[in-house]
Amino acid sequence: MAGSEQGAHGWQVDARCTNCDAARQLAPGLIAEVGGRSAVVRQPRDAAETERLYAAAHACPTRSVRPPGGRLDAARDPFPLALDGTVALCGHNSPRTAGANSYLLRRPGGTSMMVDTPRWSPVLAARYEASGPVTDVLLTHRDHAAHGRRYADRFGARLWIHEGDLDAAPDADRVLRGTGETRIADGVLALPFPGHTPGSVLYLADDRYCFSGDSFYWSRTTADIEVAESVTWYSIRELAASLTRTADRLRFEWLLPGHGDRRRLPGEETTSRLERLAARTRALRPRPVDFGAVRW
């Protein structure tokens, strides 16, 4: 059992862990990868570190992060967790989306949009709409579509997906087509980005926020924007083409992926980093799927 060396009275990560990285994002320095699985490498030293572990526990899709005594206190659930005044992390990552992150995007007038989906629960849905109506559920691609219809129906929201991944959400209310950008609402654009899957999409908001799905992410290992080449299901060449086509015109400050770290970047860095990423990706060739090869 990973983390069992901490003993029954400390925080642990149990053997159900699928190494999805969600807990490591929320509790860096406390949870790390050990032997191909997350493990608690240090017990918390203060209240702030304890709260980071509770966030990791409530995000973990397999509920593998366990507090002393093993019982998770619902009163210490921090989600939705504000990243700034506009975007909140939903937490409660779902095993049916491979543990992907999802987000709430606040809009003027008190409404929100949900980008990808957490695990389904009516109780959670009530929390996500507590600050105002959710008008749209924006799916970045097929792997993250599992709970889209249920959340959209609960919210009375429109469900969006690209035609390339339509079989994952055939009852979507809005279908994106081709590779041209589509206006979702004031300040919110959908930009089709085939590569990870045929129907992968970036959602861009206010020239500040890029919800990148699994197209690219911030790597702690390389301290740069990267693609997950070994889990690019559809075509690494198509992903390179998507990056090449858009790198010089994408503008954002916040990189908000489905998997991998989030990062706030100086706006002027975005173009140069994406252009270098496009060049690196053009040099890649298809390779066997290997989750362990991703450089989180």
C-alpha atoms as a PDB file:
ATOM      1  CA  MET A   1       0.000   0.000   0.000  1.00  0.00           C
ATOM      2  CA  ALA A   2       1.589   3.265  -1.105  1.00  0.00           C
ATOM      3  CA  GLY A   3       2.065   5.673   1.760  1.00  0.00           C
ATOM      4  CA  SER A   4       1.483   2.983   4.404  1.00  0.00           C
ATOM      5  CA  GLU A   5       4.837   3.799   5.965  1.00  0.00           C
ATOM      6  CA  GLN A   6       3.124   6.845   7.469  1.00  0.00           C
ATOM      7  CA  GLY A   7       1.185   4.521   9.738  1.00  0.00           C
ATOM      8  CA  ALA A   8      -2.475   4.283  10.673  1.00  0.00           C
ATOM      9  CA  HIS A   9      -2.417   7.667  12.448  1.00  0.00           C
ATOM     10  CA  GLY A  10      -1.144   9.762   9.544  1.00  0.00           C
ATOM     11  CA  TRP A  11      -2.266  10.726   6.058  1.00  0.00           C
ATOM     12  CA  GLN A  12      -1.943   7.925   3.500  1.00  0.00           C
ATOM     13  CA  VAL A  13      -2.613   7.105  -0.144  1.00  0.00           C
ATOM     14  CA  ASP A  14      -4.106   3.656  -0.512  1.00  0.00           C
ATOM     15  CA  ALA A  15      -3.634   1.038  -3.227  1.00  0.00           C
ATOM     16  CA  ARG A  16      -6.629   2.189  -5.294  1.00  0.00           C
ATOM     17  CA  CYS A  17      -4.537   5.104  -6.619  1.00  0.00           C
ATOM     18  CA  THR A  18      -4.415   5.245 -10.439  1.00  0.00           C
ATOM     19  CA  ASN A  19      -1.559   7.783 -10.576  1.00  0.00           C
ATOM     20  CA  CYS A  20      -3.766  10.437 -12.207  1.00  0.00           C
ATOM     21  CA  ASP A  21      -1.727  13.321 -10.694  1.00  0.00           C
ATOM     22  CA  ALA A  22      -4.719  15.261  -9.310  1.00  0.00           C
ATOM     23  CA  ALA A  23      -3.597  14.964  -5.686  1.00  0.00           C
ATOM     24  CA  ARG A  24      -0.004  15.936  -6.490  1.00  0.00           C
ATOM     25  CA  GLN A  25      -1.238  19.130  -8.129  1.00  0.00           C
ATOM     26  CA  LEU A  26      -3.073  20.165  -4.973  1.00  0.00           C
ATOM     27  CA  ALA A  27      -0.571  19.036  -2.326  1.00  0.00           C
ATOM     28  CA  PRO A  28       2.917  19.499  -3.809  1.00  0.00           C
ATOM     29  CA  GLY A  29       5.695  18.569  -1.411  1.00  0.00           C
ATOM     30  CA  LEU A  30       3.255  16.472   0.612  1.00  0.00           C
ATOM     31  CA  ILE A  31       2.179  13.994  -2.070  1.00  0.00           C
ATOM     32  CA  ALA A  32       4.603  12.816  -4.744  1.00  0.00           C
ATOM     33  CA  GLU A  33       4.963   9.993  -7.242  1.00  0.00           C
ATOM     34  CA  VAL A  34       6.658   6.927  -5.750  1.00  0.00           C
ATOM     35  CA  GLY A  35       6.907   3.702  -7.722  1.00  0.00           C
ATOM     36  CA  GLY A  36       4.288   4.707 -10.282  1.00  0.00           C
ATOM     37  CA  ARG A  37       1.695   5.808  -7.743  1.00  0.00           C
ATOM     38  CA  SER A  38       1.026   8.813  -5.531  1.00  0.00           C
ATOM     39  CA  ALA A  39       2.241   8.576  -1.949  1.00  0.00           C
ATOM     40  CA  VAL A  40       2.277  10.845   1.082  1.00  0.00           C
ATOM     41  CA  VAL A  41       5.958  11.711   1.445  1.00  0.00           C
ATOM     42  CA  ARG A  42       5.587  14.106   4.375  1.00  0.00           C
ATOM     43  CA  GLN A  43       2.928  14.706   7.008  1.00  0.00           C
ATOM     44  CA  PRO A  44       1.474  18.241   7.277  1.00  0.00           C
ATOM     45  CA  ARG A  45       3.232  20.690   9.590  1.00  0.00           C
ATOM     46  CA  ASP A  46       0.531  23.333   9.898  1.00  0.00           C
ATOM     47  CA  ALA A  47      -3.113  24.083   9.171  1.00  0.00           C
ATOM     48  CA  ALA A  48      -2.435  25.326   5.636  1.00  0.00           C
ATOM     49  CA  GLU A  49      -0.707  22.076   4.678  1.00  0.00           C
ATOM     50  CA  THR A  50      -3.531  20.072   6.237  1.00  0.00           C
ATOM     51  CA  GLU A  51      -6.054  21.965   4.118  1.00  0.00           C
ATOM     52  CA  ARG A  52      -4.029  21.182   0.980  1.00  0.00           C
ATOM     53  CA  LEU A  53      -4.280  17.490   1.831  1.00  0.00           C
ATOM     54  CA  TYR A  54      -8.032  17.785   2.353  1.00  0.00           C
ATOM     55  CA  ALA A  55      -8.303  19.421  -1.076  1.00  0.00           C
ATOM     56  CA  ALA A  56      -6.306  16.552  -2.583  1.00  0.00           C
ATOM     57  CA  ALA A  57      -8.521  14.020  -0.814  1.00  0.00           C
ATOM     58  CA  HIS A  58     -11.747  15.594  -2.075  1.00  0.00           C
ATOM     59  CA  ALA A  59     -10.376  15.802  -5.628  1.00  0.00           C
ATOM     60  CA  CYS A  60      -8.976  12.253  -5.803  1.00  0.00           C
ATOM     61  CA  PRO A  61     -11.179  10.218  -8.195  1.00  0.00           C
ATOM     62  CA  THR A  62     -10.619   6.952  -6.327  1.00  0.00           C
ATOM     63  CA  ARG A  63     -10.826   8.512  -2.854  1.00  0.00           C
ATOM     64  CA  SER A  64      -7.362   7.064  -2.215  1.00  0.00           C
ATOM     65  CA  VAL A  65      -6.042  10.005  -0.168  1.00  0.00           C
ATOM     66  CA  ARG A  66      -7.024   9.199   3.400  1.00  0.00           C
ATOM     67  CA  PRO A  67      -6.738  11.353   6.546  1.00  0.00           C
ATOM     68  CA  PRO A  68      -5.747  10.045   9.975  1.00  0.00           C
ATOM     69  CA  GLY A  69      -8.378   7.535  11.035  1.00  0.00           C
ATOM     70  CA  GLY A  70      -9.500   7.082   7.418  1.00  0.00           C
ATOM     71  CA  ARG A  71     -12.697   9.142   7.589  1.00  0.00           C
ATOM     72  CA  LEU A  72     -12.944  12.101   5.215  1.00  0.00           C
ATOM     73  CA  ASP A  73     -14.689  15.135   6.742  1.00  0.00           C
ATOM     74  CA  ALA A  74     -17.172  16.603   4.249  1.00  0.00           C
ATOM     75  CA  ALA A  75     -17.100  19.894   6.149  1.00  0.00           C
ATOM     76  CA  ARG A  76     -13.500  20.364   4.970  1.00  0.00           C
ATOM     77  CA  ASP A  77     -14.348  20.073   1.293  1.00  0.00           C
ATOM     78  CA  PRO A  78     -13.013  23.304  -0.296  1.00  0.00           C
ATOM     79  CA  PHE A  79     -14.641  22.910  -3.713  1.00  0.00           C
ATOM     80  CA  PRO A  80     -15.428  24.776  -5.857  1.00  0.00           C
ATOM     81  CA  LEU A  81     -12.002  26.268  -5.120  1.00  0.00           C
ATOM     82  CA  ALA A  82     -11.409  29.771  -6.491  1.00  0.00           C
ATOM     83  CA  LEU A  83      -8.258  30.154  -8.590  1.00  0.00           C
ATOM     84  CA  ASP A  84      -9.041  33.840  -9.017  1.00  0.00           C
ATOM     85  CA  GLY A  85     -12.211  35.920  -9.176  1.00  0.00           C
ATOM     86  CA  THR A  86     -13.327  34.362 -12.475  1.00  0.00           C
ATOM     87  CA  VAL A  87     -12.355  30.673 -12.456  1.00  0.00           C
ATOM     88  CA  ALA A  88     -12.886  27.992  -9.819  1.00  0.00           C
ATOM     89  CA  LEU A  89     -11.648  24.398  -9.781  1.00  0.00           C
ATOM     90  CA  CYS A  90     -14.561  21.970  -9.385  1.00  0.00           C
ATOM     91  CA  GLY A  91     -12.592  19.193  -7.636  1.00  0.00           C
ATOM     92  CA  HIS A  92     -14.281  15.809  -7.141  1.00  0.00           C
ATOM     93  CA  ASN A  93     -12.537  14.420 -10.213  1.00  0.00           C
ATOM     94  CA  SER A  94     -14.357  11.481 -11.771  1.00  0.00           C
ATOM     95  CA  PRO A  95     -12.942   7.992 -12.395  1.00  0.00           C
ATOM     96  CA  ARG A  96     -15.040   8.028 -15.578  1.00  0.00           C
ATOM     97  CA  THR A  97     -12.959  10.909 -16.992  1.00  0.00           C
ATOM     98  CA  ALA A  98      -9.591   9.402 -15.978  1.00  0.00           C
ATOM     99  CA  GLY A  99      -9.492  11.815 -13.064  1.00  0.00           C
ATOM    100  CA  ALA A 100      -9.607  14.967 -15.200  1.00  0.00           C
ATOM    101  CA  ASN A 101      -9.911  18.447 -13.742  1.00  0.00           C
ATOM    102  CA  SER A 102     -12.996  20.536 -14.455  1.00  0.00           C
ATOM    103  CA  TYR A 103     -13.686  24.225 -13.949  1.00  0.00           C
ATOM    104  CA  LEU A 104     -16.368  26.841 -13.373  1.00  0.00           C
ATOM    105  CA  LEU A 105     -16.004  29.978 -15.467  1.00  0.00           C
ATOM    106  CA  ARG A 106     -17.846  32.948 -13.938  1.00  0.00           C
ATOM    107  CA  ARG A 107     -19.507  35.325 -16.364  1.00  0.00           C
ATOM    108  CA  PRO A 108     -20.857  38.871 -16.018  1.00  0.00           C
ATOM    109  CA  GLY A 109     -24.364  38.959 -14.617  1.00  0.00           C
ATOM    110  CA  GLY A 110     -23.807  36.180 -12.111  1.00  0.00           C
ATOM    111  CA  THR A 111     -23.933  33.160 -14.438  1.00  0.00           C
ATOM    112  CA  SER A 112     -21.277  30.470 -14.930  1.00  0.00           C
ATOM    113  CA  MET A 113     -20.134  27.910 -17.461  1.00  0.00           C
ATOM    114  CA  MET A 114     -18.768  24.469 -16.552  1.00  0.00           C
ATOM    115  CA  VAL A 115     -15.760  23.268 -18.549  1.00  0.00           C
ATOM    116  CA  ASP A 116     -15.607  19.460 -18.505  1.00  0.00           C
ATOM    117  CA  THR A 117     -17.248  17.644 -15.633  1.00  0.00           C
ATOM    118  CA  PRO A 118     -16.542  16.415 -12.109  1.00  0.00           C
ATOM    119  CA  ARG A 119     -18.088  13.231 -10.768  1.00  0.00           C
ATOM    120  CA  TRP A 120     -21.872  13.352 -10.883  1.00  0.00           C
ATOM    121  CA  SER A 121     -23.776  14.089  -7.698  1.00  0.00           C
ATOM    122  CA  PRO A 122     -26.934  16.164  -7.120  1.00  0.00           C
ATOM    123  CA  VAL A 123     -25.317  17.523  -3.957  1.00  0.00           C
ATOM    124  CA  LEU A 124     -22.275  18.654  -5.914  1.00  0.00           C
ATOM    125  CA  ALA A 125     -24.454  20.136  -8.661  1.00  0.00           C
ATOM    126  CA  ALA A 126     -26.180  22.281  -6.035  1.00  0.00           C
ATOM    127  CA  ARG A 127     -22.795  23.541  -4.846  1.00  0.00           C
ATOM    128  CA  TYR A 128     -21.675  24.446  -8.355  1.00  0.00           C
ATOM    129  CA  GLU A 129     -24.817  26.463  -9.083  1.00  0.00           C
ATOM    130  CA  ALA A 130     -25.021  28.066  -5.626  1.00  0.00           C
ATOM    131  CA  SER A 131     -23.521  31.345  -6.838  1.00  0.00           C
ATOM    132  CA  GLY A 132     -25.753  31.581  -9.914  1.00  0.00           C
ATOM    133  CA  PRO A 133     -27.155  29.725 -12.932  1.00  0.00           C
ATOM    134  CA  VAL A 134     -24.850  27.546 -15.056  1.00  0.00           C
ATOM    135  CA  THR A 135     -25.757  28.273 -18.679  1.00  0.00           C
ATOM    136  CA  ASP A 136     -23.390  25.981 -20.597  1.00  0.00           C
ATOM    137  CA  VAL A 137     -21.410  22.769 -20.130  1.00  0.00           C
ATOM    138  CA  LEU A 138     -18.393  22.885 -22.456  1.00  0.00           C
ATOM    139  CA  LEU A 139     -16.767  19.535 -23.240  1.00  0.00           C
ATOM    140  CA  THR A 140     -13.168  19.685 -24.429  1.00  0.00           C
ATOM    141  CA  HIS A 141     -13.229  16.152 -25.886  1.00  0.00           C
ATOM    142  CA  ARG A 142     -14.649  12.650 -25.637  1.00  0.00           C
ATOM    143  CA  ASP A 143     -12.604  11.462 -22.635  1.00  0.00           C
ATOM    144  CA  HIS A 144     -14.228  14.086 -20.409  1.00  0.00           C
ATOM    145  CA  ALA A 145     -17.829  13.728 -21.580  1.00  0.00           C
ATOM    146  CA  ALA A 146     -19.083  11.135 -19.077  1.00  0.00           C
ATOM    147  CA  HIS A 147     -21.342  13.328 -16.920  1.00  0.00           C
ATOM    148  CA  GLY A 148     -22.030  16.157 -19.336  1.00  0.00           C
ATOM    149  CA  ARG A 149     -25.683  15.373 -20.077  1.00  0.00           C
ATOM    150  CA  ARG A 150     -26.599  14.902 -16.408  1.00  0.00           C
ATOM    151  CA  TYR A 151     -25.050  18.200 -15.369  1.00  0.00           C
ATOM    152  CA  ALA A 152     -26.533  20.050 -18.347  1.00  0.00           C
ATOM    153  CA  ASP A 153     -30.013  18.687 -17.596  1.00  0.00           C
ATOM    154  CA  ARG A 154     -29.724  19.554 -13.906  1.00  0.00           C
ATOM    155  CA  PHE A 155     -28.607  23.105 -14.707  1.00  0.00           C
ATOM    156  CA  GLY A 156     -30.944  23.617 -17.657  1.00  0.00           C
ATOM    157  CA  ALA A 157     -27.748  24.319 -19.613  1.00  0.00           C
ATOM    158  CA  ARG A 158     -26.593  23.778 -23.191  1.00  0.00           C
ATOM    159  CA  LEU A 159     -24.174  20.890 -23.700  1.00  0.00           C
ATOM    160  CA  TRP A 160     -21.378  21.531 -26.257  1.00  0.00           C
ATOM    161  CA  ILE A 161     -19.052  19.090 -28.034  1.00  0.00           C
ATOM    162  CA  HIS A 162     -17.226  18.941 -31.384  1.00  0.00           C
ATOM    163  CA  GLU A 163     -18.531  16.799 -34.224  1.00  0.00           C
ATOM    164  CA  GLY A 164     -15.300  14.769 -34.199  1.00  0.00           C
ATOM    165  CA  ASP A 165     -16.196  13.387 -30.761  1.00  0.00           C
ATOM    166  CA  LEU A 166     -19.980  13.528 -31.119  1.00  0.00           C
ATOM    167  CA  ASP A 167     -20.412   9.804 -30.505  1.00  0.00           C
ATOM    168  CA  ALA A 168     -19.341  10.446 -26.892  1.00  0.00           C
ATOM    169  CA  ALA A 169     -22.237  12.905 -26.410  1.00  0.00           C
ATOM    170  CA  PRO A 170     -24.707  12.264 -29.251  1.00  0.00           C
ATOM    171  CA  ASP A 171     -27.447  14.200 -27.447  1.00  0.00           C
ATOM    172  CA  ALA A 172     -25.391  17.419 -27.209  1.00  0.00           C
ATOM    173  CA  ASP A 173     -27.363  20.624 -27.703  1.00  0.00           C
ATOM    174  CA  ARG A 174     -24.653  22.444 -29.663  1.00  0.00           C
ATOM    175  CA  VAL A 175     -22.200  20.773 -32.050  1.00  0.00           C
ATOM    176  CA  LEU A 176     -18.992  22.538 -33.069  1.00  0.00           C
ATOM    177  CA  ARG A 177     -17.850  21.843 -36.619  1.00  0.00           C
ATOM    178  CA  GLY A 178     -14.677  22.165 -38.657  1.00  0.00           C
ATOM    179  CA  THR A 179     -11.627  24.024 -37.373  1.00  0.00           C
ATOM    180  CA  GLY A 180     -12.936  27.581 -37.329  1.00  0.00           C
ATOM    181  CA  GLU A 181     -13.547  29.353 -34.023  1.00  0.00           C
ATOM    182  CA  THR A 182     -17.089  29.640 -32.656  1.00  0.00           C
ATOM    183  CA  ARG A 183     -18.399  32.315 -30.309  1.00  0.00           C
ATOM    184  CA  ILE A 184     -20.071  30.669 -27.310  1.00  0.00           C
ATOM    185  CA  ALA A 185     -20.987  33.938 -25.571  1.00  0.00           C
ATOM    186  CA  ASP A 186     -19.494  37.381 -25.071  1.00  0.00           C
ATOM    187  CA  GLY A 187     -15.785  36.876 -24.387  1.00  0.00           C
ATOM    188  CA  VAL A 188     -15.889  33.066 -24.770  1.00  0.00           C
ATOM    189  CA  LEU A 189     -14.642  31.276 -27.899  1.00  0.00           C
ATOM    190  CA  ALA A 190     -14.366  27.613 -28.876  1.00  0.00           C
ATOM    191  CA  LEU A 191     -11.331  26.731 -30.990  1.00  0.00           C
ATOM    192  CA  PRO A 192     -11.298  23.201 -32.456  1.00  0.00           C
ATOM    193  CA  PHE A 193      -7.904  21.595 -31.861  1.00  0.00           C
ATOM    194  CA  PRO A 194      -7.741  18.064 -33.322  1.00  0.00           C
ATOM    195  CA  GLY A 195      -4.880  15.890 -32.154  1.00  0.00           C
ATOM    196  CA  HIS A 196      -5.461  14.314 -28.764  1.00  0.00           C
ATOM    197  CA  THR A 197      -8.812  13.218 -30.208  1.00  0.00           C
ATOM    198  CA  PRO A 198     -10.489  14.125 -33.518  1.00  0.00           C
ATOM    199  CA  GLY A 199     -12.865  16.490 -31.702  1.00  0.00           C
ATOM    200  CA  SER A 200     -10.599  18.140 -29.134  1.00  0.00           C
ATOM    201  CA  VAL A 201     -11.425  21.796 -28.447  1.00  0.00           C
ATOM    202  CA  LEU A 202      -9.793  24.717 -26.630  1.00  0.00           C
ATOM    203  CA  TYR A 203     -12.114  27.151 -24.871  1.00  0.00           C
ATOM    204  CA  LEU A 204     -10.753  30.687 -24.566  1.00  0.00           C
ATOM    205  CA  ALA A 205     -12.234  33.320 -22.269  1.00  0.00           C
ATOM    206  CA  ASP A 206     -11.545  37.045 -22.035  1.00  0.00           C
ATOM    207  CA  ASP A 207      -8.092  36.693 -23.654  1.00  0.00           C
ATOM    208  CA  ARG A 208      -6.986  35.459 -20.215  1.00  0.00           C
ATOM    209  CA  TYR A 209      -8.084  31.862 -19.743  1.00  0.00           C
ATOM    210  CA  CYS A 210      -7.293  28.832 -21.910  1.00  0.00           C
ATOM    211  CA  PHE A 211      -9.126  25.620 -21.027  1.00  0.00           C
ATOM    212  CA  SER A 212      -6.928  23.231 -22.991  1.00  0.00           C
ATOM    213  CA  GLY A 213      -8.476  19.841 -22.213  1.00  0.00           C
ATOM    214  CA  ASP A 214      -5.757  17.286 -22.923  1.00  0.00           C
ATOM    215  CA  SER A 215      -4.197  19.166 -25.855  1.00  0.00           C
ATOM    216  CA  PHE A 216      -1.385  20.674 -23.762  1.00  0.00           C
ATOM    217  CA  TYR A 217      -0.561  21.357 -20.123  1.00  0.00           C
ATOM    218  CA  TRP A 218       2.057  22.861 -17.796  1.00  0.00           C
ATOM    219  CA  SER A 219       4.728  20.309 -16.895  1.00  0.00           C
ATOM    220  CA  ARG A 220       6.385  20.492 -13.485  1.00  0.00           C
ATOM    221  CA  THR A 221       9.194  18.334 -14.865  1.00  0.00           C
ATOM    222  CA  THR A 222      10.194  20.614 -17.745  1.00  0.00           C
ATOM    223  CA  ALA A 223       8.769  23.903 -16.402  1.00  0.00           C
ATOM    224  CA  ASP A 224       7.146  24.533 -19.771  1.00  0.00           C
ATOM    225  CA  ILE A 225       3.990  23.913 -21.810  1.00  0.00           C
ATOM    226  CA  GLU A 226       4.003  20.341 -23.122  1.00  0.00           C
ATOM    227  CA  VAL A 227       1.876  17.856 -25.051  1.00  0.00           C
ATOM    228  CA  ALA A 228       1.200  14.386 -23.653  1.00  0.00           C
ATOM    229  CA  GLU A 229       2.565  12.593 -26.700  1.00  0.00           C
ATOM    230  CA  SER A 230       2.238   9.071 -25.315  1.00  0.00           C
ATOM    231  CA  VAL A 231      -1.511   9.504 -24.686  1.00  0.00           C
ATOM    232  CA  THR A 232      -2.376  11.377 -27.866  1.00  0.00           C
ATOM    233  CA  TRP A 233      -5.032   8.925 -29.012  1.00  0.00           C
ATOM    234  CA  TYR A 234      -5.783  10.302 -32.454  1.00  0.00           C
ATOM    235  CA  SER A 235      -2.738  11.841 -34.140  1.00  0.00           C
ATOM    236  CA  ILE A 236       0.419  13.573 -32.932  1.00  0.00           C
ATOM    237  CA  ARG A 237       0.790  14.989 -36.446  1.00  0.00           C
ATOM    238  CA  GLU A 238      -2.684  16.539 -36.277  1.00  0.00           C
ATOM    239  CA  LEU A 239      -1.832  17.967 -32.851  1.00  0.00           C
ATOM    240  CA  ALA A 240       1.324  19.510 -34.316  1.00  0.00           C
ATOM    241  CA  ALA A 241      -0.776  20.973 -37.129  1.00  0.00           C
ATOM    242  CA  SER A 242      -3.257  22.454 -34.646  1.00  0.00           C
ATOM    243  CA  LEU A 243      -0.435  24.070 -32.684  1.00  0.00           C
ATOM    244  CA  THR A 244       1.226  25.394 -35.837  1.00  0.00           C
ATOM    245  CA  ARG A 245      -2.047  26.839 -37.113  1.00  0.00           C
ATOM    246  CA  THR A 246      -2.853  28.717 -33.894  1.00  0.00           C
ATOM    247  CA  ALA A 247       0.346  29.356 -31.913  1.00  0.00           C
ATOM    248  CA  ASP A 248       0.876  32.886 -33.183  1.00  0.00           C
ATOM    249  CA  ARG A 249      -2.665  34.022 -32.355  1.00  0.00           C
ATOM    250  CA  LEU A 250      -3.517  32.342 -29.064  1.00  0.00           C
ATOM    251  CA  ARG A 251      -3.603  34.848 -26.208  1.00  0.00           C
ATOM    252  CA  PHE A 252      -4.061  33.882 -22.577  1.00  0.00           C
ATOM    253  CA  GLU A 253      -2.549  34.207 -19.110  1.00  0.00           C
ATOM    254  CA  TRP A 254      -4.018  31.161 -17.362  1.00  0.00           C
ATOM    255  CA  LEU A 255      -3.384  27.662 -18.739  1.00  0.00           C
ATOM    256  CA  LEU A 256      -6.117  25.404 -17.341  1.00  0.00           C
ATOM    257  CA  PRO A 257      -5.790  21.793 -18.592  1.00  0.00           C
ATOM    258  CA  GLY A 258      -7.754  18.654 -17.905  1.00  0.00           C
ATOM    259  CA  HIS A 259      -4.621  16.773 -16.849  1.00  0.00           C
ATOM    260  CA  GLY A 260      -1.298  18.221 -15.752  1.00  0.00           C
ATOM    261  CA  ASP A 261      -0.593  21.391 -13.841  1.00  0.00           C
ATOM    262  CA  ARG A 262      -2.338  24.733 -14.138  1.00  0.00           C
ATOM    263  CA  ARG A 263      -0.163  27.805 -14.578  1.00  0.00           C
ATOM    264  CA  ARG A 264      -0.499  31.571 -14.698  1.00  0.00           C
ATOM    265  CA  LEU A 265       1.966  33.027 -17.195  1.00  0.00           C
ATOM    266  CA  PRO A 266       2.945  36.550 -18.200  1.00  0.00           C
ATOM    267  CA  GLY A 267       0.787  37.214 -21.252  1.00  0.00           C
ATOM    268  CA  GLU A 268       3.756  38.035 -23.456  1.00  0.00           C
ATOM    269  CA  GLU A 269       5.239  34.544 -22.888  1.00  0.00           C
ATOM    270  CA  THR A 270       2.340  32.608 -24.352  1.00  0.00           C
ATOM    271  CA  THR A 271       3.105  33.021 -28.042  1.00  0.00           C
ATOM    272  CA  SER A 272       6.812  32.206 -27.808  1.00  0.00           C
ATOM    273  CA  ARG A 273       6.201  29.140 -25.628  1.00  0.00           C
ATOM    274  CA  LEU A 274       3.504  27.815 -27.958  1.00  0.00           C
ATOM    275  CA  GLU A 275       5.613  28.420 -31.057  1.00  0.00           C
ATOM    276  CA  ARG A 276       8.469  26.436 -29.496  1.00  0.00           C
ATOM    277  CA  LEU A 277       5.994  23.719 -28.477  1.00  0.00           C
ATOM    278  CA  ALA A 278       4.685  23.538 -32.042  1.00  0.00           C
ATOM    279  CA  ALA A 279       8.234  23.054 -33.324  1.00  0.00           C
ATOM    280  CA  ARG A 280       8.931  20.319 -30.766  1.00  0.00           C
ATOM    281  CA  THR A 281       5.654  18.576 -31.562  1.00  0.00           C
ATOM    282  CA  ARG A 282       6.329  18.607 -35.313  1.00  0.00           C
ATOM    283  CA  ALA A 283       9.462  16.568 -34.585  1.00  0.00           C
ATOM    284  CA  LEU A 284       7.522  13.855 -32.713  1.00  0.00           C
ATOM    285  CA  ARG A 285       6.364  10.572 -34.210  1.00  0.00           C
ATOM    286  CA  PRO A 286       3.511   8.284 -33.126  1.00  0.00           C
ATOM    287  CA  ARG A 287       4.384   6.056 -30.184  1.00  0.00           C
ATOM    288  CA  PRO A 288       2.651   3.342 -28.150  1.00  0.00           C
ATOM    289  CA  VAL A 289       0.295   4.514 -25.421  1.00  0.00           C
ATOM    290  CA  ASP A 290       2.166   4.719 -22.116  1.00  0.00           C
ATOM    291  CA  PHE A 291       0.635   6.670 -19.241  1.00  0.00           C
ATOM    292  CA  GLY A 292       3.847   6.336 -17.264  1.00  0.00           C
ATOM    293  CA  ALA A 293       5.795   8.243 -19.913  1.00  0.00           C
ATOM    294  CA  VAL A 294       3.948  11.536 -19.344  1.00  0.00           C
ATOM    295  CA  ARG A 295       6.268  14.138 -17.834  1.00  0.00           C
ATOM    296  CA  TRP A 296       3.905  15.687 -15.302  1.00  0.00           C
END
